[in-house]
Amino acid sequence: MFAGHFGLAAAVKSREPVTPLWALMLGTQLMDVIFVPLLLTGVETIVPVGEGKYGEAVIHADYTHSLVGALLIAFLAAMAAWKWWGKRSAGVMGFMVFSHWLLDLLVHRSDLPILPGNLGHLPLLGFGLWGSLLISIMLEILLIAVGAIMYYLSLRSRVQKASQSEERISRPSLSGRSLWTGIIMAGLLVLSLLSDLMGFG
């Protein structure tokens, strides 16, 4: 669900001027970034379901995607953000990292453990929206649309503030730049959705 996570990051950036966009984007995918080396070493696995296309997998990420594991990763990311960008960024970054688990909870089949390593063999979590291709794609499109629109509106707001200041930058120049930046952001979000649909997300 790359697109949905990135769409949320764009939406949050529209309200968060301090934390860099790259950090928010990375934060939304940090659990998956840590998952990759564990997948390559066989500690965590992906089992295809059906043809293994979009959403057709059971993901045994028993450490990175456990509830407690996600909270721990979010806490460590928040502490790093606090050191680099301050207290507000710490809260934002912690939310962004944990939002990955919350969105995965919606779409995953019941493959998200509560404790790392599925200790105690407690019930696995997941509402399974991936089982409905239409609903899961609509959710991602909604997150993309909201994120792109909020990001563009935040840029336009900055243009309006700059035009009222004594900055030596013309409003048309800033307006054009914000429009193109918004279009590029929307394009990248759509590309991330296409990567999801092709089975890379």
C-alpha atoms as a PDB file:
ATOM      1  CA  MET A   1       0.000   0.000   0.000  1.00  0.00           C
ATOM      2  CA  PHE A   2       2.737   2.446  -0.982  1.00  0.00           C
ATOM      3  CA  ALA A   3       0.315   5.000  -2.431  1.00  0.00           C
ATOM      4  CA  GLY A   4      -1.908   5.228   0.622  1.00  0.00           C
ATOM      5  CA  HIS A   5       1.043   5.713   2.981  1.00  0.00           C
ATOM      6  CA  PHE A   6       2.617   8.378   0.753  1.00  0.00           C
ATOM      7  CA  GLY A   7      -0.729  10.142   0.311  1.00  0.00           C
ATOM      8  CA  LEU A   8      -1.043  10.463   4.063  1.00  0.00           C
ATOM      9  CA  ALA A   9       2.502  11.857   4.260  1.00  0.00           C
ATOM     10  CA  ALA A  10       1.631  14.542   1.703  1.00  0.00           C
ATOM     11  CA  ALA A  11      -1.482  15.456   3.686  1.00  0.00           C
ATOM     12  CA  VAL A  12       0.468  15.740   6.939  1.00  0.00           C
ATOM     13  CA  LYS A  13       3.203  17.827   5.268  1.00  0.00           C
ATOM     14  CA  SER A  14       0.561  20.385   4.323  1.00  0.00           C
ATOM     15  CA  ARG A  15       0.094  21.077   8.042  1.00  0.00           C
ATOM     16  CA  GLU A  16       3.660  20.415   9.230  1.00  0.00           C
ATOM     17  CA  PRO A  17       6.172  23.030   8.040  1.00  0.00           C
ATOM     18  CA  VAL A  18       9.126  21.923  10.182  1.00  0.00           C
ATOM     19  CA  THR A  19       9.537  18.214   9.478  1.00  0.00           C
ATOM     20  CA  PRO A  20      11.018  17.657   5.976  1.00  0.00           C
ATOM     21  CA  LEU A  21       8.822  15.945   3.404  1.00  0.00           C
ATOM     22  CA  TRP A  22      11.471  13.269   2.810  1.00  0.00           C
ATOM     23  CA  ALA A  23      11.376  12.385   6.510  1.00  0.00           C
ATOM     24  CA  LEU A  24       7.587  12.096   6.506  1.00  0.00           C
ATOM     25  CA  MET A  25       7.704   9.911   3.389  1.00  0.00           C
ATOM     26  CA  LEU A  26      10.396   7.716   4.924  1.00  0.00           C
ATOM     27  CA  GLY A  27       8.463   7.572   8.173  1.00  0.00           C
ATOM     28  CA  THR A  28       5.392   6.160   6.481  1.00  0.00           C
ATOM     29  CA  GLN A  29       7.509   3.365   5.013  1.00  0.00           C
ATOM     30  CA  LEU A  30      10.009   2.838   7.837  1.00  0.00           C
ATOM     31  CA  MET A  31       8.420  -0.446   8.927  1.00  0.00           C
ATOM     32  CA  ASP A  32       8.753  -1.763   5.371  1.00  0.00           C
ATOM     33  CA  VAL A  33      12.324  -0.463   5.091  1.00  0.00           C
ATOM     34  CA  ILE A  34      13.251  -2.521   8.150  1.00  0.00           C
ATOM     35  CA  PHE A  35      11.175  -5.417   6.809  1.00  0.00           C
ATOM     36  CA  VAL A  36      13.261  -5.732   3.609  1.00  0.00           C
ATOM     37  CA  PRO A  37      16.511  -7.083   5.157  1.00  0.00           C
ATOM     38  CA  LEU A  38      14.477  -9.398   7.396  1.00  0.00           C
ATOM     39  CA  LEU A  39      12.652 -10.656   4.299  1.00  0.00           C
ATOM     40  CA  LEU A  40      15.922 -11.200   2.424  1.00  0.00           C
ATOM     41  CA  THR A  41      17.342 -13.200   5.336  1.00  0.00           C
ATOM     42  CA  GLY A  42      14.165 -15.266   5.754  1.00  0.00           C
ATOM     43  CA  VAL A  43      13.345 -13.945   9.230  1.00  0.00           C
ATOM     44  CA  GLU A  44      10.076 -12.542   7.849  1.00  0.00           C
ATOM     45  CA  THR A  45       8.289 -13.876   4.775  1.00  0.00           C
ATOM     46  CA  ILE A  46       5.609 -13.193   2.181  1.00  0.00           C
ATOM     47  CA  VAL A  47       3.343 -16.027   1.064  1.00  0.00           C
ATOM     48  CA  PRO A  48       1.462 -15.339  -2.193  1.00  0.00           C
ATOM     49  CA  VAL A  49      -2.287 -15.995  -2.271  1.00  0.00           C
ATOM     50  CA  GLY A  50      -3.753 -16.820  -5.663  1.00  0.00           C
ATOM     51  CA  GLU A  51      -1.677 -15.225  -8.419  1.00  0.00           C
ATOM     52  CA  GLY A  52       0.198 -13.001  -5.987  1.00  0.00           C
ATOM     53  CA  LYS A  53      -1.090  -9.743  -7.492  1.00  0.00           C
ATOM     54  CA  TYR A  54      -2.173  -6.584  -5.659  1.00  0.00           C
ATOM     55  CA  GLY A  55      -3.119  -7.517  -2.110  1.00  0.00           C
ATOM     56  CA  GLU A  56      -2.821 -11.247  -2.798  1.00  0.00           C
ATOM     57  CA  ALA A  57      -0.356 -12.150  -0.085  1.00  0.00           C
ATOM     58  CA  VAL A  58      -0.114 -13.170   3.534  1.00  0.00           C
ATOM     59  CA  ILE A  59       2.767 -11.241   5.080  1.00  0.00           C
ATOM     60  CA  HIS A  60       4.522 -12.882   8.009  1.00  0.00           C
ATOM     61  CA  ALA A  61       6.242  -9.735   9.316  1.00  0.00           C
ATOM     62  CA  ASP A  62       6.057 -10.929  12.882  1.00  0.00           C
ATOM     63  CA  TYR A  63       8.556  -8.397  14.211  1.00  0.00           C
ATOM     64  CA  THR A  64       8.343  -5.229  12.117  1.00  0.00           C
ATOM     65  CA  HIS A  65       4.563  -5.338  11.704  1.00  0.00           C
ATOM     66  CA  SER A  66       3.566  -6.584  15.138  1.00  0.00           C
ATOM     67  CA  LEU A  67       1.618  -4.027  17.175  1.00  0.00           C
ATOM     68  CA  VAL A  68       4.328  -3.765  19.829  1.00  0.00           C
ATOM     69  CA  GLY A  69       7.083  -3.759  17.192  1.00  0.00           C
ATOM     70  CA  ALA A  70       5.370  -0.934  15.310  1.00  0.00           C
ATOM     71  CA  LEU A  71       5.039   1.089  18.497  1.00  0.00           C
ATOM     72  CA  LEU A  72       8.734   0.561  19.269  1.00  0.00           C
ATOM     73  CA  ILE A  73       9.821   1.635  15.763  1.00  0.00           C
ATOM     74  CA  ALA A  74       7.533   4.676  16.004  1.00  0.00           C
ATOM     75  CA  PHE A  75       9.024   5.602  19.393  1.00  0.00           C
ATOM     76  CA  LEU A  76      12.614   5.355  18.135  1.00  0.00           C
ATOM     77  CA  ALA A  77      11.758   7.432  15.048  1.00  0.00           C
ATOM     78  CA  ALA A  78      10.079  10.026  17.269  1.00  0.00           C
ATOM     79  CA  MET A  79      13.173  10.281  19.456  1.00  0.00           C
ATOM     80  CA  ALA A  80      15.358  10.824  16.392  1.00  0.00           C
ATOM     81  CA  ALA A  81      12.977  13.496  15.077  1.00  0.00           C
ATOM     82  CA  TRP A  82      12.990  15.229  18.477  1.00  0.00           C
ATOM     83  CA  LYS A  83      16.779  15.462  18.339  1.00  0.00           C
ATOM     84  CA  TRP A  84      16.856  16.811  14.781  1.00  0.00           C
ATOM     85  CA  TRP A  85      13.714  18.963  14.475  1.00  0.00           C
ATOM     86  CA  GLY A  86      12.193  19.403  17.924  1.00  0.00           C
ATOM     87  CA  LYS A  87       9.326  18.201  20.085  1.00  0.00           C
ATOM     88  CA  ARG A  88       6.519  18.846  17.585  1.00  0.00           C
ATOM     89  CA  SER A  89       8.294  16.857  14.896  1.00  0.00           C
ATOM     90  CA  ALA A  90       8.731  13.993  17.357  1.00  0.00           C
ATOM     91  CA  GLY A  91       4.979  13.659  17.762  1.00  0.00           C
ATOM     92  CA  VAL A  92       4.394  13.995  14.016  1.00  0.00           C
ATOM     93  CA  MET A  93       7.048  11.416  13.162  1.00  0.00           C
ATOM     94  CA  GLY A  94       5.789   8.959  15.753  1.00  0.00           C
ATOM     95  CA  PHE A  95       2.306   9.262  14.282  1.00  0.00           C
ATOM     96  CA  MET A  96       3.551   8.888  10.717  1.00  0.00           C
ATOM     97  CA  VAL A  97       5.471   5.703  11.480  1.00  0.00           C
ATOM     98  CA  PHE A  98       2.618   4.125  13.422  1.00  0.00           C
ATOM     99  CA  SER A  99       0.103   5.195  10.745  1.00  0.00           C
ATOM    100  CA  HIS A 100       1.693   2.529   8.551  1.00  0.00           C
ATOM    101  CA  TRP A 101       0.505  -0.159  10.944  1.00  0.00           C
ATOM    102  CA  LEU A 102      -2.969   1.389  11.197  1.00  0.00           C
ATOM    103  CA  LEU A 103      -3.423   1.472   7.417  1.00  0.00           C
ATOM    104  CA  ASP A 104      -2.029  -2.050   7.116  1.00  0.00           C
ATOM    105  CA  LEU A 105      -4.547  -3.145   9.747  1.00  0.00           C
ATOM    106  CA  LEU A 106      -7.323  -2.060   7.388  1.00  0.00           C
ATOM    107  CA  VAL A 107      -6.071  -3.860   4.288  1.00  0.00           C
ATOM    108  CA  HIS A 108      -4.088  -6.871   5.517  1.00  0.00           C
ATOM    109  CA  ARG A 109      -5.590 -10.272   5.965  1.00  0.00           C
ATOM    110  CA  SER A 110      -5.293 -11.569   9.525  1.00  0.00           C
ATOM    111  CA  ASP A 111      -1.487 -11.647   9.540  1.00  0.00           C
ATOM    112  CA  LEU A 112      -0.522  -8.838  11.953  1.00  0.00           C
ATOM    113  CA  PRO A 113       0.581 -10.174  15.356  1.00  0.00           C
ATOM    114  CA  ILE A 114       0.239  -8.256  18.593  1.00  0.00           C
ATOM    115  CA  LEU A 115       3.593  -9.231  20.120  1.00  0.00           C
ATOM    116  CA  PRO A 116       6.936  -9.489  18.269  1.00  0.00           C
ATOM    117  CA  GLY A 117       7.586 -12.964  16.929  1.00  0.00           C
ATOM    118  CA  ASN A 118       3.906 -13.710  17.572  1.00  0.00           C
ATOM    119  CA  LEU A 119       4.759 -14.549  21.168  1.00  0.00           C
ATOM    120  CA  GLY A 120       1.910 -16.277  22.954  1.00  0.00           C
ATOM    121  CA  HIS A 121       0.221 -16.990  19.628  1.00  0.00           C
ATOM    122  CA  LEU A 122      -2.399 -14.327  20.290  1.00  0.00           C
ATOM    123  CA  PRO A 123      -5.064 -13.689  17.626  1.00  0.00           C
ATOM    124  CA  LEU A 124      -3.663 -12.160  14.439  1.00  0.00           C
ATOM    125  CA  LEU A 125      -5.136  -8.853  13.308  1.00  0.00           C
ATOM    126  CA  GLY A 126      -6.276  -7.494   9.946  1.00  0.00           C
ATOM    127  CA  PHE A 127      -9.616  -6.402   8.475  1.00  0.00           C
ATOM    128  CA  GLY A 128      -8.769  -7.821   5.041  1.00  0.00           C
ATOM    129  CA  LEU A 129      -9.833  -4.999   2.692  1.00  0.00           C
ATOM    130  CA  TRP A 130      -7.336  -6.414   0.208  1.00  0.00           C
ATOM    131  CA  GLY A 131      -9.912  -9.155  -0.271  1.00  0.00           C
ATOM    132  CA  SER A 132     -12.010  -6.547  -2.111  1.00  0.00           C
ATOM    133  CA  LEU A 133      -9.927  -5.081  -4.916  1.00  0.00           C
ATOM    134  CA  LEU A 134     -12.372  -2.229  -5.560  1.00  0.00           C
ATOM    135  CA  ILE A 135     -12.619  -1.098  -1.928  1.00  0.00           C
ATOM    136  CA  SER A 136      -8.871  -1.230  -1.281  1.00  0.00           C
ATOM    137  CA  ILE A 137      -8.069   0.677  -4.499  1.00  0.00           C
ATOM    138  CA  MET A 138     -10.716   3.298  -3.690  1.00  0.00           C
ATOM    139  CA  LEU A 139      -9.143   3.742  -0.255  1.00  0.00           C
ATOM    140  CA  GLU A 140      -5.747   4.364  -1.813  1.00  0.00           C
ATOM    141  CA  ILE A 141      -7.200   6.758  -4.400  1.00  0.00           C
ATOM    142  CA  LEU A 142      -8.925   8.670  -1.604  1.00  0.00           C
ATOM    143  CA  LEU A 143      -5.660   8.997   0.330  1.00  0.00           C
ATOM    144  CA  ILE A 144      -3.847  10.096  -2.837  1.00  0.00           C
ATOM    145  CA  ALA A 145      -6.492  12.705  -3.678  1.00  0.00           C
ATOM    146  CA  VAL A 146      -6.668  14.122  -0.157  1.00  0.00           C
ATOM    147  CA  GLY A 147      -2.877  14.202   0.172  1.00  0.00           C
ATOM    148  CA  ALA A 148      -2.279  15.856  -3.217  1.00  0.00           C
ATOM    149  CA  ILE A 149      -5.024  18.461  -2.718  1.00  0.00           C
ATOM    150  CA  MET A 150      -3.943  19.363   0.812  1.00  0.00           C
ATOM    151  CA  TYR A 151      -0.313  19.587  -0.305  1.00  0.00           C
ATOM    152  CA  TYR A 152      -1.192  21.902  -3.209  1.00  0.00           C
ATOM    153  CA  LEU A 153      -3.421  24.108  -1.025  1.00  0.00           C
ATOM    154  CA  SER A 154      -0.620  24.471   1.517  1.00  0.00           C
ATOM    155  CA  LEU A 155       1.739  25.608  -1.256  1.00  0.00           C
ATOM    156  CA  ARG A 156      -0.835  28.096  -2.532  1.00  0.00           C
ATOM    157  CA  SER A 157      -1.239  29.458   0.989  1.00  0.00           C
ATOM    158  CA  ARG A 158       2.503  30.077   1.160  1.00  0.00           C
ATOM    159  CA  VAL A 159       2.295  31.950  -2.152  1.00  0.00           C
ATOM    160  CA  GLN A 160      -0.392  34.221  -0.764  1.00  0.00           C
ATOM    161  CA  LYS A 161       1.675  34.935   2.350  1.00  0.00           C
ATOM    162  CA  ALA A 162       4.778  35.605   0.286  1.00  0.00           C
ATOM    163  CA  SER A 163       2.885  38.026  -1.947  1.00  0.00           C
ATOM    164  CA  GLN A 164       1.905  40.042   1.124  1.00  0.00           C
ATOM    165  CA  SER A 165       5.472  40.224   2.394  1.00  0.00           C
ATOM    166  CA  GLU A 166       8.429  42.219   1.095  1.00  0.00           C
ATOM    167  CA  GLU A 167      10.056  39.230  -0.563  1.00  0.00           C
ATOM    168  CA  ARG A 168      11.506  39.905  -4.004  1.00  0.00           C
ATOM    169  CA  ILE A 169       9.783  36.965  -5.607  1.00  0.00           C
ATOM    170  CA  SER A 170       6.929  37.549  -7.988  1.00  0.00           C
ATOM    171  CA  ARG A 171       3.582  35.991  -7.156  1.00  0.00           C
ATOM    172  CA  PRO A 172       3.137  34.519 -10.695  1.00  0.00           C
ATOM    173  CA  SER A 173       6.504  32.787 -10.344  1.00  0.00           C
ATOM    174  CA  LEU A 174       5.566  31.303  -6.988  1.00  0.00           C
ATOM    175  CA  SER A 175       2.086  30.375  -8.208  1.00  0.00           C
ATOM    176  CA  GLY A 176       3.477  28.514 -11.183  1.00  0.00           C
ATOM    177  CA  ARG A 177       6.033  26.751  -9.027  1.00  0.00           C
ATOM    178  CA  SER A 178       3.431  25.667  -6.470  1.00  0.00           C
ATOM    179  CA  LEU A 179       1.116  24.423  -9.215  1.00  0.00           C
ATOM    180  CA  TRP A 180       3.852  22.335 -10.819  1.00  0.00           C
ATOM    181  CA  THR A 181       5.056  21.058  -7.460  1.00  0.00           C
ATOM    182  CA  GLY A 182       1.497  19.971  -6.656  1.00  0.00           C
ATOM    183  CA  ILE A 183       1.163  18.266 -10.047  1.00  0.00           C
ATOM    184  CA  ILE A 184       4.470  16.452  -9.581  1.00  0.00           C
ATOM    185  CA  MET A 185       3.407  15.306  -6.105  1.00  0.00           C
ATOM    186  CA  ALA A 186       0.085  14.006  -7.473  1.00  0.00           C
ATOM    187  CA  GLY A 187       1.931  12.251 -10.309  1.00  0.00           C
ATOM    188  CA  LEU A 188       4.322  10.528  -7.921  1.00  0.00           C
ATOM    189  CA  LEU A 189       1.397   9.384  -5.776  1.00  0.00           C
ATOM    190  CA  VAL A 190      -0.359   7.945  -8.834  1.00  0.00           C
ATOM    191  CA  LEU A 191       2.856   6.150  -9.855  1.00  0.00           C
ATOM    192  CA  SER A 192       3.071   4.637  -6.383  1.00  0.00           C
ATOM    193  CA  LEU A 193      -0.500   3.377  -6.802  1.00  0.00           C
ATOM    194  CA  LEU A 194       0.432   1.813 -10.141  1.00  0.00           C
ATOM    195  CA  SER A 195       3.380   0.095  -8.455  1.00  0.00           C
ATOM    196  CA  ASP A 196       0.920  -1.296  -5.885  1.00  0.00           C
ATOM    197  CA  LEU A 197      -1.349  -2.618  -8.631  1.00  0.00           C
ATOM    198  CA  MET A 198       1.581  -4.254 -10.402  1.00  0.00           C
ATOM    199  CA  GLY A 199       2.435  -6.118  -7.234  1.00  0.00           C
ATOM    200  CA  PHE A 200       5.341  -4.084  -5.903  1.00  0.00           C
ATOM    201  CA  GLY A 201       3.503  -2.643  -2.886  1.00  0.00           C
END
